[in-house]
Amino acid sequence: MTTNEWRKKFQDLPSVQRKAQPFSIRAKSDNNTLAILIHGFTSSSYEMSSLADFLAEQGIDVETVLVAGHGRTLDDLASSTVEDWLSSLNDVIERNQNYKYIFIVGYSFGANLAIHTAIDNPKITGVVSLGLPVFLKNNLLIRLVCPFFRLFNLTYRKHWVSREKAEILAEQGCHSNIPIKGFLQFNRLLEQYTKKNVNRFNKPILIIHSRGDVISHVRSSEWLFRNIKSQDKHFFILDKYQHSLIDNTRRDFVYAKTASFILEHR
């Protein structure tokens, strides 16, 4: 167990699996800098654990968000909405108003939530976007098929997740199946929130994407970089690595860039 494991303060939310519980780390007393970490779609706070540890070791306080509907059952995820997801993030920001510098680090759809929230919230200093989804692979097929499947309350199995990996994910409160109703809300987040409002974003931002992402085209982050109003923006593309930028052999690069961005902008 790492030093930070002892320092993590876990919440005890009802009906949430133990490993999925959101947590905070106070790196040092009287700290003025906080990083709020948001996991990806169908995942949980556990996904952000190692990045949280790294940031805390750099002297940055950390708070994780368990997005509404996540860390629970597939039915809970299917019944959650974009508004519920955004409220989860805003609740965490609201209870941490004492920090002078607040950064949001969003992984996958967590980046969509981070960017949208930061647009109108003056408390947010900057954003780190990791693997932002805007243009999905097989997107046309998804758009055509999902509304039909919704009528039958069906789920879609992530074909890129092995059976062994699915068992590990389940222990972490993550799902290897996607409820179609939940995915339609996810698509609504992309279409009605990210695409419509991103040109209003003008804060410092670090953008990282993998060219080998099996879910989100790298042009998602290229589009983001082109369309935001920010003058202070940084963009890195990693070759060959897949969607999980925080769980692969280049995570040392991702972690270091994230910490440096936060420390340099406070």
Protein backbone atom coordinates (compact mmCIF):
# COMPACT_ATOMS: atom_id res chain seq x y z
CA MET A 1 0.00 0.00 0.00
CA THR A 2 1.38 3.39 -0.98
CA THR A 3 1.69 6.35 1.35
CA ASN A 4 -1.16 8.04 -0.47
CA GLU A 5 -3.39 4.99 0.07
CA TRP A 6 -3.20 5.72 3.78
CA ARG A 7 -3.99 9.39 3.15
CA LYS A 8 -7.02 8.81 0.94
CA LYS A 9 -10.32 9.74 2.50
CA PHE A 10 -13.10 7.67 0.97
CA GLN A 11 -16.76 8.56 0.94
CA ASP A 12 -19.37 5.97 1.86
CA LEU A 13 -22.09 6.44 -0.73
CA PRO A 14 -25.02 3.98 -0.54
CA SER A 15 -25.29 1.27 -3.21
CA VAL A 16 -21.80 2.07 -4.53
CA GLN A 17 -19.21 -0.69 -4.69
CA ARG A 18 -16.31 -0.33 -2.27
CA LYS A 19 -13.58 0.24 -4.86
CA ALA A 20 -15.78 2.67 -6.78
CA GLN A 21 -16.21 5.09 -3.87
CA PRO A 22 -14.97 8.63 -4.58
CA PHE A 23 -12.03 9.81 -2.50
CA SER A 24 -9.87 12.81 -1.72
CA ILE A 25 -6.18 13.25 -0.91
CA ARG A 26 -4.83 16.22 1.00
CA ALA A 27 -1.21 16.50 -0.12
CA LYS A 28 -0.28 19.16 2.43
CA SER A 29 -1.87 21.54 4.89
CA ASP A 30 -2.93 25.02 3.77
CA ASN A 31 -2.77 23.98 0.12
CA ASN A 32 -4.21 26.41 -2.41
CA THR A 33 -4.30 24.05 -5.42
CA LEU A 34 -6.84 21.32 -6.14
CA ALA A 35 -7.19 18.87 -9.03
CA ILE A 36 -10.66 17.41 -9.55
CA LEU A 37 -10.47 14.11 -11.43
CA ILE A 38 -13.36 12.75 -13.50
CA HIS A 39 -13.48 9.18 -14.80
CA GLY A 40 -14.79 7.90 -18.12
CA PHE A 41 -18.21 6.64 -19.17
CA THR A 42 -19.26 3.31 -17.50
CA SER A 43 -16.23 3.57 -15.19
CA SER A 44 -15.70 4.75 -11.59
CA SER A 45 -13.44 6.82 -9.36
CA TYR A 46 -11.11 3.83 -9.05
CA GLU A 47 -9.96 4.48 -12.61
CA MET A 48 -8.28 7.71 -11.48
CA SER A 49 -6.45 6.25 -8.45
CA SER A 50 -2.90 6.09 -9.78
CA LEU A 51 -3.08 9.56 -11.35
CA ALA A 52 -4.46 10.88 -8.05
CA ASP A 53 -1.50 9.37 -6.20
CA PHE A 54 0.98 10.93 -8.61
CA LEU A 55 -0.53 14.41 -8.38
CA ALA A 56 -0.60 14.23 -4.59
CA GLU A 57 3.09 13.32 -4.58
CA GLN A 58 3.69 16.59 -6.48
CA GLY A 59 1.96 18.53 -3.70
CA ILE A 60 -1.43 18.89 -5.39
CA ASP A 61 -4.61 18.16 -3.44
CA VAL A 62 -6.98 15.79 -5.21
CA GLU A 63 -10.72 15.21 -5.23
CA THR A 64 -12.35 12.53 -7.38
CA VAL A 65 -15.86 12.65 -8.81
CA LEU A 66 -18.12 9.61 -9.01
CA VAL A 67 -20.40 10.66 -11.84
CA ALA A 68 -24.13 10.05 -11.25
CA GLY A 69 -25.30 6.57 -12.24
CA HIS A 70 -21.77 5.15 -12.14
CA GLY A 71 -20.26 2.68 -9.69
CA ARG A 72 -23.68 1.10 -9.31
CA THR A 73 -25.88 -1.11 -11.52
CA LEU A 74 -26.43 -0.88 -15.26
CA ASP A 75 -30.02 0.17 -14.55
CA ASP A 76 -28.71 3.10 -12.50
CA LEU A 77 -26.45 4.12 -15.37
CA ALA A 78 -29.26 3.76 -17.90
CA SER A 79 -31.53 6.06 -15.90
CA SER A 80 -28.96 8.84 -15.39
CA THR A 81 -28.92 11.97 -17.56
CA VAL A 82 -26.45 14.58 -18.77
CA GLU A 83 -27.84 16.99 -16.19
CA ASP A 84 -27.21 14.43 -13.43
CA TRP A 85 -23.63 13.99 -14.60
CA LEU A 86 -22.92 17.71 -14.65
CA SER A 87 -24.46 18.09 -11.18
CA SER A 88 -22.01 15.49 -9.83
CA LEU A 89 -19.09 17.67 -10.90
CA ASN A 90 -20.66 20.94 -9.80
CA ASP A 91 -21.34 19.52 -6.33
CA VAL A 92 -17.64 18.73 -5.88
CA ILE A 93 -16.62 22.20 -7.08
CA GLU A 94 -19.14 23.85 -4.77
CA ARG A 95 -17.79 22.18 -1.65
CA ASN A 96 -14.19 23.12 -2.51
CA GLN A 97 -14.60 26.87 -2.96
CA ASN A 98 -11.80 27.54 -0.47
CA TYR A 99 -9.11 26.67 -3.05
CA LYS A 100 -7.52 29.51 -4.98
CA TYR A 101 -6.69 27.31 -7.98
CA ILE A 102 -9.04 24.55 -9.14
CA PHE A 103 -8.17 22.39 -12.15
CA ILE A 104 -10.41 19.74 -13.67
CA VAL A 105 -8.76 16.65 -15.16
CA GLY A 106 -11.22 14.74 -17.32
CA TYR A 107 -10.61 11.34 -18.85
CA SER A 108 -12.72 10.37 -21.88
CA PHE A 109 -16.27 11.67 -21.32
CA GLY A 110 -14.99 13.20 -18.09
CA ALA A 111 -13.21 15.66 -20.38
CA ASN A 112 -16.53 16.63 -21.97
CA LEU A 113 -17.97 17.33 -18.53
CA ALA A 114 -14.85 19.26 -17.49
CA ILE A 115 -14.80 21.52 -20.55
CA HIS A 116 -18.49 22.33 -20.44
CA THR A 117 -18.41 23.09 -16.71
CA ALA A 118 -15.32 25.29 -16.94
CA ILE A 119 -16.85 27.56 -19.58
CA ASP A 120 -19.12 29.44 -17.18
CA ASN A 121 -17.50 28.72 -13.82
CA PRO A 122 -15.02 31.46 -12.80
CA LYS A 123 -13.56 29.23 -10.07
CA ILE A 124 -11.97 26.88 -12.61
CA THR A 125 -8.37 27.80 -13.42
CA GLY A 126 -7.75 25.30 -16.20
CA VAL A 127 -8.62 21.91 -17.70
CA VAL A 128 -6.74 18.76 -18.67
CA SER A 129 -8.49 16.80 -21.44
CA LEU A 130 -7.40 13.17 -21.82
CA GLY A 131 -8.85 11.25 -24.78
CA LEU A 132 -11.83 13.54 -25.38
CA PRO A 133 -14.62 11.81 -27.34
CA VAL A 134 -16.38 13.94 -29.96
CA PHE A 135 -16.06 11.91 -33.15
CA LEU A 136 -16.53 8.23 -32.33
CA LYS A 137 -15.43 5.33 -34.46
CA ASN A 138 -18.44 3.61 -36.11
CA ASN A 139 -20.45 6.70 -35.16
CA LEU A 140 -22.91 6.51 -38.07
CA LEU A 141 -23.84 2.92 -37.23
CA ILE A 142 -24.26 3.86 -33.58
CA ARG A 143 -26.59 6.75 -34.43
CA LEU A 144 -28.78 4.54 -36.61
CA VAL A 145 -28.99 1.49 -34.36
CA CYS A 146 -29.12 2.90 -30.81
CA PRO A 147 -32.58 4.54 -31.00
CA PHE A 148 -34.04 1.21 -32.15
CA PHE A 149 -32.31 -0.82 -29.42
CA ARG A 150 -33.48 1.65 -26.77
CA LEU A 151 -37.03 0.35 -27.23
CA PHE A 152 -35.91 -3.01 -25.85
CA ASN A 153 -33.73 -1.69 -22.98
CA LEU A 154 -30.70 -3.49 -24.41
CA THR A 155 -26.99 -3.18 -23.70
CA TYR A 156 -23.93 -3.25 -25.93
CA ARG A 157 -20.93 -5.31 -24.92
CA LYS A 158 -17.52 -3.66 -25.29
CA HIS A 159 -15.92 -6.07 -27.75
CA TRP A 160 -12.44 -4.75 -26.97
CA VAL A 161 -12.69 -5.84 -23.31
CA SER A 162 -11.66 -9.44 -22.61
CA ARG A 163 -13.62 -11.68 -20.23
CA GLU A 164 -10.75 -11.57 -17.74
CA LYS A 165 -10.58 -7.78 -17.90
CA ALA A 166 -14.36 -7.58 -17.47
CA GLU A 167 -14.12 -9.44 -14.17
CA ILE A 168 -11.48 -7.01 -12.91
CA LEU A 169 -13.55 -4.02 -14.02
CA ALA A 170 -16.61 -5.37 -12.20
CA GLU A 171 -14.66 -5.42 -8.93
CA GLN A 172 -13.84 -1.74 -9.50
CA GLY A 173 -17.47 -0.76 -10.05
CA CYS A 174 -16.92 -0.44 -13.81
CA HIS A 175 -19.01 -1.99 -16.59
CA SER A 176 -18.00 -3.90 -19.70
CA ASN A 177 -21.51 -3.41 -21.09
CA ILE A 178 -23.07 -0.12 -22.15
CA PRO A 179 -26.80 0.47 -21.63
CA ILE A 180 -28.21 1.92 -24.85
CA LYS A 181 -30.31 4.46 -22.95
CA GLY A 182 -27.18 5.67 -21.17
CA PHE A 183 -25.26 5.86 -24.41
CA LEU A 184 -27.95 8.04 -25.97
CA GLN A 185 -27.43 10.48 -23.08
CA PHE A 186 -23.70 10.25 -23.73
CA ASN A 187 -24.31 11.15 -27.38
CA ARG A 188 -26.55 14.01 -26.25
CA LEU A 189 -23.63 15.32 -24.17
CA LEU A 190 -21.45 15.38 -27.29
CA GLU A 191 -24.02 16.93 -29.62
CA GLN A 192 -25.90 19.39 -27.41
CA TYR A 193 -23.19 20.42 -24.96
CA THR A 194 -19.65 19.86 -26.28
CA LYS A 195 -20.17 20.69 -29.96
CA LYS A 196 -22.51 23.62 -29.33
CA ASN A 197 -20.50 25.36 -26.62
CA VAL A 198 -16.82 24.53 -27.06
CA ASN A 199 -16.11 27.77 -28.97
CA ARG A 200 -16.84 29.63 -25.72
CA PHE A 201 -14.01 27.91 -23.84
CA ASN A 202 -11.13 30.33 -23.21
CA LYS A 203 -9.15 28.96 -20.26
CA PRO A 204 -5.73 27.29 -20.13
CA ILE A 205 -5.97 23.71 -21.33
CA LEU A 206 -3.77 20.66 -21.82
CA ILE A 207 -5.04 18.21 -24.45
CA ILE A 208 -3.65 14.67 -24.87
CA HIS A 209 -4.98 12.01 -27.25
CA SER A 210 -3.81 8.67 -28.61
CA ARG A 211 -3.61 8.08 -32.35
CA GLY A 212 -4.50 4.43 -31.73
CA ASP A 213 -7.64 5.18 -29.70
CA VAL A 214 -10.21 2.47 -30.52
CA ILE A 215 -13.17 4.56 -29.31
CA SER A 216 -12.57 8.22 -30.09
CA HIS A 217 -10.91 9.54 -33.26
CA VAL A 218 -7.84 11.66 -32.61
CA ARG A 219 -9.57 14.32 -34.69
CA SER A 220 -11.82 14.84 -31.64
CA SER A 221 -8.94 16.54 -29.85
CA GLU A 222 -7.70 18.18 -33.05
CA TRP A 223 -11.17 19.70 -33.43
CA LEU A 224 -11.10 20.83 -29.80
CA PHE A 225 -7.71 22.49 -30.22
CA ARG A 226 -8.89 24.38 -33.32
CA ASN A 227 -12.25 25.54 -31.98
CA ILE A 228 -11.58 26.74 -28.43
CA LYS A 229 -10.87 30.41 -27.80
CA SER A 230 -7.95 29.70 -25.45
CA GLN A 231 -4.64 31.38 -26.18
CA ASP A 232 -2.91 29.17 -23.61
CA LYS A 233 -3.42 25.68 -25.06
CA HIS A 234 -1.13 22.66 -25.33
CA PHE A 235 -1.75 19.56 -27.47
CA PHE A 236 0.08 16.21 -27.54
CA ILE A 237 -0.70 13.17 -29.68
CA LEU A 238 0.66 9.79 -28.61
CA ASP A 239 1.34 7.15 -31.25
CA LYS A 240 0.04 3.57 -31.09
CA TYR A 241 -1.49 3.72 -27.62
CA GLN A 242 -5.16 3.06 -27.15
CA HIS A 243 -8.04 4.89 -25.42
CA SER A 244 -6.77 4.39 -21.88
CA LEU A 245 -4.14 7.09 -21.58
CA ILE A 246 -3.98 6.63 -17.81
CA ASP A 247 -3.36 2.88 -17.86
CA ASN A 248 -0.61 2.14 -20.37
CA THR A 249 3.14 2.30 -20.76
CA ARG A 250 3.11 6.02 -21.57
CA ARG A 251 1.18 7.05 -18.50
CA ASP A 252 4.41 8.42 -17.02
CA PHE A 253 4.38 11.02 -19.82
CA VAL A 254 0.67 11.78 -19.31
CA TYR A 255 1.05 12.08 -15.54
CA ALA A 256 4.12 14.31 -15.76
CA LYS A 257 2.51 16.63 -18.32
CA THR A 258 -0.65 16.87 -16.20
CA ALA A 259 1.25 17.75 -13.03
CA SER A 260 3.49 20.25 -14.83
CA PHE A 261 0.50 21.97 -16.43
CA ILE A 262 -1.20 22.39 -13.06
CA LEU A 263 1.90 23.58 -11.22
CA GLU A 264 2.81 26.06 -13.97
CA HIS A 265 -0.66 27.62 -14.07
CA ARG A 266 -1.31 28.23 -10.41
